[in-house]
Amino acid sequence: MYTIINTRTIQRMKKRILSTVIAVSLIMGTGIQSIAAPLTDAQKQQKIEDTKKLDDINSKVKDLEKQMNDLTDQIELVYSQIEKNKNEIAKVKNEIKSTQKQVDKLKEDLKEKETVLGDRMRAVYKTGTTENYLGVILSSTSFSDLITKFQAVGKVVTLDNKIIDELNSKKAELDDKVKNLNTKNEELDKLNIENKAKLDEFNKKKDEQKSVISQLNQEKGKIEVDLAAVEKPMVQPFIDVINNSGSSIDDLTSARDALRNIRTQIKSPAVDADLVKAIEKAKSLIEEKQKVASSTSSVPSRGGNGTASSNSILNYASQFLGRPYVWGAHGPGSFDCSGFTSYVFGHFGYGVSGTTYDQINQGTPVSYNDLQPGDLVFERGSASAPSHVAIYWGNGQIIHASNPRDGVKIGPISDYVAARRVLR
């Protein structure tokens, strides 16, 4: 006798199988790639080789970029030195200009003094030494007047000579200053020429490294294309589930979690971008479907007539990871321990009460060695009056609203006292 199964039933069966396989593989740690298109030996080898090439290129690019950054630092330092030298050169030139003006002024003063002294000497000595002395004697009214006039003439000559000597000394000093400033200016000009040569050398090296990086990036692009061809089949089945308008919340959650796990193995930026886009889409779809389900569903019976698989329970519970712990809260924005378990099971129609003290009496007792994912695990206190409740995740782990510090999280069982099974 043959049973006729329609297309819709087959699709539903496929979705359930996909969801179950993903969830079980996540819980048991067996990996999730078995439901994706398997890689051939040749593809595996190509992926290994391409990944190694990509890593090598990325390493080379990283080293070159570091060298370019070092060169940039050196260029900035040289630019800074050039600007400093320019300012110093401008300062020296202004000082030379100012000093030269002082020299020119001294020359004029010296010339004027020499002219006055020359005129005076010529006036004193124009008739010769004998007549000059005779004139002084004849014009004197007394011997003391004669002595006074001789001394006066001597003082004038001495003073004029002293002034001229001082002017000449000052001029020589300023001439030396101008000379030193010109020397300093030449040194700064020479240093700037050297610095500009360094800049040309640094910029040439930067251009060479840019060219190498460009070539490496071209090679990198080709490798990424090859990698994308290999990696795309690894993620496409899960992306298809997310893009399927008929996928359930469980299907979307499982596909999203699968992509999150696969992502660590993906090297192609293009595939990674598609993967991230699909994860974000799944997140939005899950939120939309939950809102619709919440607005259209009736209040679940407290009689405990729900039906759900352990993977459905765990997938639903995991979306609340990171939500805050608030005493007495029953979700969905925040939870305490019993509020969390009650909310998760209530979503599937299970009448799990809102307190730990009541939940310990619901379902059937289970020993520690017989724990299965989806069981209620009780900690601390006693078997009859526990103080904390969680949902068993598998492999000794539980998902629970832990405490105000950590909120909803997955962690190891601690201080186990009892367990109950409410799933059918």
Protein backbone atom coordinates (compact mmCIF):
# COMPACT_ATOMS: atom_id res chain seq x y z
CA MET A 1 0.00 0.00 0.00
CA TYR A 2 1.42 3.30 -1.05
CA THR A 3 1.03 6.61 0.81
CA ILE A 4 0.69 9.78 -1.28
CA ILE A 5 2.65 12.73 0.14
CA ASN A 6 2.06 16.16 -1.40
CA THR A 7 4.78 18.72 -2.20
CA ARG A 8 3.97 20.96 0.77
CA THR A 9 4.36 18.06 3.18
CA ILE A 10 7.74 17.19 1.67
CA GLN A 11 8.89 20.81 2.04
CA ARG A 12 7.80 20.86 5.67
CA MET A 13 9.68 17.61 6.30
CA LYS A 14 12.81 19.03 4.68
CA LYS A 15 12.63 22.15 6.84
CA ARG A 16 12.22 20.10 9.99
CA ILE A 17 15.13 17.87 9.03
CA LEU A 18 17.30 20.93 8.28
CA SER A 19 16.38 22.59 11.56
CA THR A 20 16.97 19.41 13.55
CA VAL A 21 20.32 18.64 11.92
CA ILE A 22 21.61 22.16 12.46
CA ALA A 23 20.47 22.35 16.05
CA VAL A 24 21.80 18.92 16.97
CA SER A 25 25.12 19.64 15.30
CA LEU A 26 25.38 22.92 17.22
CA ILE A 27 24.59 21.20 20.53
CA MET A 28 26.80 18.16 20.02
CA GLY A 29 29.67 20.14 18.51
CA THR A 30 29.84 17.91 15.41
CA GLY A 31 29.90 20.81 12.95
CA ILE A 32 27.28 22.03 10.54
CA GLN A 33 28.86 21.68 7.15
CA SER A 34 27.47 18.22 6.60
CA ILE A 35 24.17 19.71 5.39
CA ALA A 36 25.94 22.07 3.02
CA ALA A 37 27.34 21.07 -0.35
CA PRO A 38 30.37 18.87 0.46
CA LEU A 39 33.73 19.93 -0.93
CA THR A 40 35.57 17.57 -3.24
CA ASP A 41 39.17 16.66 -2.45
CA ALA A 42 40.28 18.99 -5.25
CA GLN A 43 38.19 21.84 -3.83
CA LYS A 44 39.53 21.23 -0.34
CA GLN A 45 43.10 21.33 -1.65
CA GLN A 46 42.36 24.48 -3.68
CA LYS A 47 40.82 26.16 -0.62
CA ILE A 48 43.89 25.27 1.46
CA GLU A 49 46.28 26.59 -1.20
CA ASP A 50 44.25 29.74 -1.90
CA THR A 51 43.88 30.45 1.80
CA LYS A 52 47.65 30.12 2.26
CA LYS A 53 48.30 32.41 -0.71
CA LEU A 54 45.80 34.92 0.62
CA ASP A 55 47.38 34.85 4.07
CA ASP A 56 50.85 35.32 2.52
CA ILE A 57 49.67 38.27 0.43
CA ASN A 58 47.88 39.85 3.38
CA SER A 59 51.06 39.46 5.42
CA LYS A 60 53.16 41.09 2.67
CA VAL A 61 50.66 43.92 2.25
CA LYS A 62 50.62 44.45 6.00
CA ASP A 63 54.45 44.63 6.10
CA LEU A 64 54.55 47.04 3.16
CA GLU A 65 51.86 49.22 4.69
CA LYS A 66 53.90 49.34 7.90
CA GLN A 67 56.97 50.40 5.89
CA MET A 68 54.88 53.06 4.14
CA ASN A 69 53.67 54.32 7.50
CA ASP A 70 57.28 54.50 8.69
CA LEU A 71 58.25 56.40 5.54
CA THR A 72 55.33 58.76 6.05
CA ASP A 73 56.59 59.47 9.56
CA GLN A 74 60.08 60.18 8.19
CA ILE A 75 58.68 62.42 5.45
CA GLU A 76 56.67 64.38 7.99
CA LEU A 77 59.81 64.80 10.10
CA VAL A 78 61.81 66.08 7.11
CA TYR A 79 58.97 68.41 6.09
CA SER A 80 58.93 69.74 9.62
CA GLN A 81 62.70 70.32 9.50
CA ILE A 82 62.43 72.08 6.13
CA GLU A 83 59.71 74.39 7.44
CA LYS A 84 61.80 75.08 10.53
CA ASN A 85 64.82 75.87 8.33
CA LYS A 86 62.71 78.15 6.12
CA ASN A 87 61.65 80.13 9.16
CA GLU A 88 65.24 80.25 10.40
CA ILE A 89 66.49 81.37 6.97
CA ALA A 90 63.90 84.15 6.87
CA LYS A 91 64.95 85.21 10.35
CA VAL A 92 68.66 85.21 9.38
CA LYS A 93 67.99 87.19 6.22
CA ASN A 94 66.06 89.80 8.18
CA GLU A 95 68.92 89.98 10.65
CA ILE A 96 71.45 90.35 7.82
CA LYS A 97 69.34 93.12 6.32
CA SER A 98 69.09 94.93 9.66
CA THR A 99 72.80 94.53 10.40
CA GLN A 100 73.74 95.73 6.93
CA LYS A 101 71.70 98.88 7.53
CA GLN A 102 73.69 99.48 10.72
CA VAL A 103 76.94 98.98 8.80
CA ASP A 104 75.85 101.44 6.13
CA LYS A 105 74.89 103.98 8.81
CA LEU A 106 78.28 103.56 10.51
CA LYS A 107 80.02 104.07 7.19
CA GLU A 108 78.17 107.33 6.73
CA ASP A 109 79.00 108.43 10.29
CA LEU A 110 82.63 107.48 9.82
CA LYS A 111 82.85 109.32 6.53
CA GLU A 112 81.27 112.40 8.13
CA LYS A 113 83.65 112.31 11.10
CA GLU A 114 86.65 111.85 8.84
CA THR A 115 85.51 114.83 6.76
CA VAL A 116 85.11 117.05 9.84
CA LEU A 117 88.50 115.94 11.20
CA GLY A 118 90.16 116.49 7.84
CA ASP A 119 88.73 119.98 7.58
CA ARG A 120 89.86 120.75 11.08
CA MET A 121 93.38 119.42 10.45
CA ARG A 122 93.64 121.32 7.25
CA ALA A 123 92.53 124.51 9.03
CA VAL A 124 95.12 123.96 11.77
CA TYR A 125 98.00 122.93 9.56
CA LYS A 126 97.26 124.64 6.21
CA THR A 127 100.10 127.22 6.61
CA GLY A 128 102.66 124.71 7.82
CA THR A 129 103.80 123.71 11.22
CA THR A 130 106.02 126.78 11.94
CA GLU A 131 103.43 129.38 10.95
CA ASN A 132 100.80 127.41 12.75
CA TYR A 133 102.73 127.48 15.98
CA LEU A 134 103.58 131.16 15.41
CA GLY A 135 99.90 131.94 14.90
CA VAL A 136 99.03 130.22 18.13
CA ILE A 137 101.85 132.12 19.96
CA LEU A 138 100.94 135.51 18.47
CA SER A 139 97.27 135.07 19.21
CA SER A 140 97.98 134.13 22.79
CA THR A 141 97.58 136.86 25.38
CA SER A 142 99.84 135.20 27.90
CA PHE A 143 102.03 132.19 28.36
CA SER A 144 99.28 130.34 30.20
CA ASP A 145 96.91 131.18 27.34
CA LEU A 146 99.45 129.75 24.95
CA ILE A 147 99.65 126.50 26.91
CA THR A 148 95.88 126.29 27.11
CA LYS A 149 95.51 126.69 23.33
CA PHE A 150 98.11 124.05 22.61
CA GLN A 151 96.32 121.64 24.98
CA ALA A 152 92.94 122.41 23.45
CA VAL A 153 94.21 121.66 19.97
CA GLY A 154 95.71 118.37 21.23
CA LYS A 155 92.47 117.33 22.94
CA VAL A 156 90.38 117.97 19.83
CA VAL A 157 92.71 115.92 17.70
CA THR A 158 92.81 113.09 20.28
CA LEU A 159 89.00 113.04 20.67
CA ASP A 160 88.42 112.98 16.94
CA ASN A 161 90.87 110.11 16.53
CA LYS A 162 89.14 108.20 19.35
CA ILE A 163 85.72 108.61 17.75
CA ILE A 164 87.05 107.41 14.42
CA ASP A 165 88.68 104.38 16.08
CA GLU A 166 85.40 103.50 17.83
CA LEU A 167 83.46 103.79 14.60
CA ASN A 168 85.99 101.63 12.79
CA SER A 169 85.81 99.04 15.59
CA LYS A 170 81.99 98.98 15.49
CA LYS A 171 82.05 98.67 11.71
CA ALA A 172 84.46 95.73 11.91
CA GLU A 173 82.20 94.06 14.51
CA LEU A 174 79.14 94.47 12.32
CA ASP A 175 81.05 93.27 9.26
CA ASP A 176 81.92 90.07 11.16
CA LYS A 177 78.27 89.63 12.15
CA VAL A 178 77.13 89.98 8.55
CA LYS A 179 79.77 87.47 7.50
CA ASN A 180 78.66 84.94 10.14
CA LEU A 181 75.00 85.39 9.25
CA ASN A 182 75.77 84.84 5.57
CA THR A 183 77.64 81.65 6.48
CA LYS A 184 74.68 80.43 8.56
CA ASN A 185 72.30 81.24 5.72
CA GLU A 186 74.42 79.21 3.30
CA GLU A 187 74.44 76.26 5.74
CA LEU A 188 70.66 76.36 6.07
CA ASP A 189 70.25 76.53 2.30
CA LYS A 190 72.55 73.52 1.97
CA LEU A 191 70.58 71.61 4.64
CA ASN A 192 67.31 72.32 2.84
CA ILE A 193 68.77 71.01 -0.40
CA GLU A 194 69.77 67.80 1.41
CA ASN A 195 66.33 67.48 3.01
CA LYS A 196 64.59 67.94 -0.33
CA ALA A 197 66.78 65.18 -1.74
CA LYS A 198 65.68 62.95 1.16
CA LEU A 199 62.05 63.79 0.42
CA ASP A 200 62.49 62.80 -3.21
CA GLU A 201 64.05 59.51 -2.10
CA PHE A 202 61.30 58.77 0.44
CA ASN A 203 58.52 59.60 -2.01
CA LYS A 204 60.16 57.41 -4.64
CA LYS A 205 60.20 54.49 -2.17
CA LYS A 206 56.55 55.15 -1.30
CA ASP A 207 55.58 55.11 -4.97
CA GLU A 208 57.46 51.84 -5.47
CA GLN A 209 55.72 50.27 -2.47
CA LYS A 210 52.34 51.53 -3.65
CA SER A 211 52.99 49.83 -6.97
CA VAL A 212 53.88 46.55 -5.25
CA ILE A 213 50.80 46.77 -3.01
CA SER A 214 48.65 47.42 -6.08
CA GLN A 215 50.05 44.30 -7.78
CA LEU A 216 49.54 42.25 -4.63
CA ASN A 217 45.96 43.48 -4.32
CA GLN A 218 45.29 42.46 -7.93
CA GLU A 219 46.65 39.00 -7.18
CA LYS A 220 44.64 38.99 -3.95
CA GLY A 221 41.47 39.80 -5.91
CA LYS A 222 42.01 36.81 -8.22
CA ILE A 223 42.54 34.49 -5.26
CA GLU A 224 39.43 35.83 -3.53
CA VAL A 225 37.40 35.04 -6.65
CA ASP A 226 38.70 31.45 -6.59
CA LEU A 227 37.97 31.19 -2.87
CA ALA A 228 34.47 32.55 -3.36
CA ALA A 229 33.75 29.81 -5.88
CA VAL A 230 34.75 27.20 -3.28
CA GLU A 231 33.19 28.84 -0.21
CA LYS A 232 29.88 29.93 -1.72
CA PRO A 233 28.42 26.38 -1.69
CA MET A 234 29.29 26.14 2.02
CA VAL A 235 26.88 28.93 2.91
CA GLN A 236 24.35 28.95 0.08
CA PRO A 237 22.00 26.27 1.54
CA PHE A 238 21.55 28.33 4.70
CA ILE A 239 21.14 31.57 2.73
CA ASP A 240 18.47 29.82 0.64
CA VAL A 241 16.60 28.91 3.84
CA ILE A 242 16.70 32.55 4.95
CA ASN A 243 15.57 33.78 1.52
CA ASN A 244 12.69 31.27 1.47
CA SER A 245 9.53 33.14 2.46
CA GLY A 246 8.06 29.92 3.83
CA SER A 247 10.84 29.31 6.38
CA SER A 248 9.69 29.13 9.99
CA ILE A 249 11.23 30.90 12.98
CA ASP A 250 13.03 27.66 13.87
CA ASP A 251 14.37 27.29 10.32
CA LEU A 252 15.57 30.89 10.25
CA THR A 253 17.15 30.63 13.69
CA SER A 254 18.96 27.41 12.79
CA ALA A 255 20.22 28.80 9.48
CA ARG A 256 21.35 32.02 11.17
CA ASP A 257 23.27 30.11 13.86
CA ALA A 258 24.82 27.87 11.21
CA LEU A 259 26.10 30.88 9.27
CA ARG A 260 27.54 32.39 12.44
CA ASN A 261 29.53 29.20 13.03
CA ILE A 262 30.66 28.88 9.42
CA ARG A 263 31.85 32.48 9.29
CA THR A 264 35.13 31.67 11.07
CA GLN A 265 36.06 29.46 8.10
CA ILE A 266 35.21 31.99 5.39
CA LYS A 267 38.08 33.95 3.83
CA SER A 268 36.42 35.48 0.77
CA PRO A 269 35.21 39.04 1.49
CA ALA A 270 32.39 38.66 -1.06
CA VAL A 271 31.07 35.48 0.54
CA ASP A 272 31.51 36.95 4.00
CA ALA A 273 29.51 40.03 2.97
CA ASP A 274 26.68 37.80 1.65
CA LEU A 275 26.84 35.78 4.87
CA VAL A 276 26.58 38.85 7.11
CA LYS A 277 23.74 40.23 5.00
CA ALA A 278 21.87 36.93 5.33
CA ILE A 279 22.39 36.86 9.11
CA GLU A 280 20.99 40.37 9.44
CA LYS A 281 18.06 39.45 7.21
CA ALA A 282 17.34 36.36 9.31
CA LYS A 283 17.42 38.47 12.44
CA SER A 284 14.85 40.90 11.00
CA LEU A 285 12.62 38.10 9.70
CA ILE A 286 12.68 36.31 13.05
CA GLU A 287 11.63 39.49 14.84
CA GLU A 288 8.83 40.10 12.33
CA LYS A 289 7.52 36.53 12.56
CA GLN A 290 7.63 36.63 16.35
CA LYS A 291 5.58 39.83 16.38
CA VAL A 292 3.03 38.25 14.05
CA ALA A 293 2.91 35.07 16.14
CA SER A 294 2.53 37.08 19.33
CA SER A 295 -0.33 39.18 17.95
CA THR A 296 -2.26 36.29 16.37
CA SER A 297 -1.80 33.51 18.92
CA SER A 298 -4.11 33.02 21.87
CA VAL A 299 -2.88 32.78 25.46
CA PRO A 300 -1.37 29.26 25.80
CA SER A 301 -3.16 26.74 27.94
CA ARG A 302 -1.68 26.23 31.37
CA GLY A 303 -2.67 22.60 31.20
CA GLY A 304 0.56 21.58 29.54
CA ASN A 305 -0.63 20.43 26.10
CA GLY A 306 2.35 21.87 24.20
CA THR A 307 4.50 19.97 21.71
CA ALA A 308 8.03 21.00 20.67
CA SER A 309 11.41 19.42 20.00
CA SER A 310 14.41 20.12 22.19
CA ASN A 311 16.16 21.94 19.35
CA SER A 312 13.14 24.24 18.94
CA ILE A 313 13.24 25.05 22.65
CA LEU A 314 16.99 25.74 22.57
CA ASN A 315 16.89 27.74 19.34
CA TYR A 316 14.12 29.92 20.72
CA ALA A 317 15.84 30.32 24.09
CA SER A 318 19.16 31.29 22.49
CA GLN A 319 17.72 34.42 20.88
CA PHE A 320 17.44 35.94 24.37
CA LEU A 321 21.15 35.59 25.13
CA GLY A 322 22.41 38.78 26.72
CA ARG A 323 19.00 39.95 27.95
CA PRO A 324 19.25 41.45 31.46
CA TYR A 325 18.34 39.64 34.67
CA VAL A 326 15.64 41.41 36.67
CA TRP A 327 14.08 39.79 39.72
CA GLY A 328 10.43 38.90 39.08
CA ALA A 329 10.67 39.66 35.33
CA HIS A 330 8.99 37.28 32.87
CA GLY A 331 10.27 38.67 29.54
CA PRO A 332 10.79 39.33 26.85
CA GLY A 333 12.92 42.40 27.65
CA SER A 334 14.30 40.95 30.88
CA PHE A 335 13.95 37.80 32.98
CA ASP A 336 14.63 36.16 36.30
CA CYS A 337 15.52 32.45 36.23
CA SER A 338 12.00 30.97 36.47
CA GLY A 339 10.52 33.76 34.36
CA PHE A 340 12.92 32.78 31.57
CA THR A 341 12.08 29.06 31.59
CA SER A 342 8.35 29.81 31.89
CA TYR A 343 8.47 32.24 28.95
CA VAL A 344 10.45 29.88 26.67
CA PHE A 345 8.26 26.83 27.31
CA GLY A 346 5.11 28.96 27.28
CA HIS A 347 5.96 30.03 23.72
CA PHE A 348 5.38 26.42 22.66
CA GLY A 349 2.22 25.98 24.70
CA TYR A 350 3.69 24.30 27.77
CA GLY A 351 2.05 25.28 31.03
CA VAL A 352 5.25 25.84 33.01
CA SER A 353 4.52 28.02 36.02
CA GLY A 354 6.38 31.21 36.84
CA THR A 355 8.24 30.17 40.02
CA THR A 356 11.09 27.78 40.68
CA TYR A 357 9.18 26.23 43.60
CA ASP A 358 6.30 25.22 41.30
CA GLN A 359 8.46 24.14 38.35
CA ILE A 360 10.25 21.54 40.51
CA ASN A 361 6.93 19.68 40.68
CA GLN A 362 6.13 19.82 36.94
CA GLY A 363 6.95 17.17 34.35
CA THR A 364 8.77 14.00 35.35
CA PRO A 365 11.96 13.65 37.40
CA VAL A 366 15.23 12.97 35.53
CA SER A 367 18.60 11.87 36.91
CA TYR A 368 21.76 13.79 36.14
CA ASN A 369 23.09 10.96 33.93
CA ASP A 370 19.87 10.90 31.88
CA LEU A 371 19.74 14.62 31.14
CA GLN A 372 18.68 15.59 27.62
CA PRO A 373 18.68 18.99 25.90
CA GLY A 374 15.49 20.84 26.84
CA ASP A 375 15.19 19.42 30.37
CA LEU A 376 14.73 21.75 33.33
CA VAL A 377 17.82 21.77 35.56
CA PHE A 378 17.58 22.96 39.17
CA GLU A 379 20.54 24.29 41.13
CA ARG A 380 21.35 25.30 44.68
CA GLY A 381 19.03 24.82 47.64
CA SER A 382 17.62 21.28 47.81
CA ALA A 383 15.87 18.83 45.47
CA SER A 384 12.52 19.75 47.00
CA ALA A 385 13.16 23.47 47.32
CA PRO A 386 15.73 24.61 44.72
CA SER A 387 16.60 28.28 44.35
CA HIS A 388 17.56 28.39 40.65
CA VAL A 389 16.25 26.84 37.41
CA ALA A 390 17.73 26.58 33.91
CA ILE A 391 17.28 24.74 30.60
CA TYR A 392 19.75 21.97 29.76
CA TRP A 393 21.74 22.84 26.61
CA GLY A 394 23.83 19.68 26.31
CA ASN A 395 27.40 18.65 27.09
CA GLY A 396 27.06 19.76 30.71
CA GLN A 397 25.93 23.27 29.69
CA ILE A 398 22.74 25.17 30.56
CA ILE A 399 21.07 28.28 29.19
CA HIS A 400 19.56 30.45 31.90
CA ALA A 401 18.89 33.89 33.31
CA SER A 402 21.92 33.65 35.54
CA ASN A 403 22.27 36.81 37.63
CA PRO A 404 22.10 40.63 37.41
CA ARG A 405 25.72 40.77 36.25
CA ASP A 406 25.58 38.29 33.33
CA GLY A 407 21.89 38.14 32.38
CA VAL A 408 20.82 35.33 30.03
CA LYS A 409 23.82 33.20 29.10
CA ILE A 410 25.08 29.69 28.42
CA GLY A 411 27.37 28.18 31.04
CA PRO A 412 28.23 24.97 32.92
CA ILE A 413 25.94 23.31 35.45
CA SER A 414 26.82 24.32 39.01
CA ASP A 415 25.43 22.99 42.32
CA TYR A 416 23.01 20.57 40.61
CA VAL A 417 20.16 19.37 42.86
CA ALA A 418 17.46 18.02 40.50
CA ALA A 419 16.04 17.91 36.96
CA ARG A 420 12.57 17.60 35.39
CA ARG A 421 11.44 16.75 31.86
CA VAL A 422 8.39 18.57 30.54
CA LEU A 423 8.90 17.89 26.83
CA ARG A 424 6.92 15.07 25.23
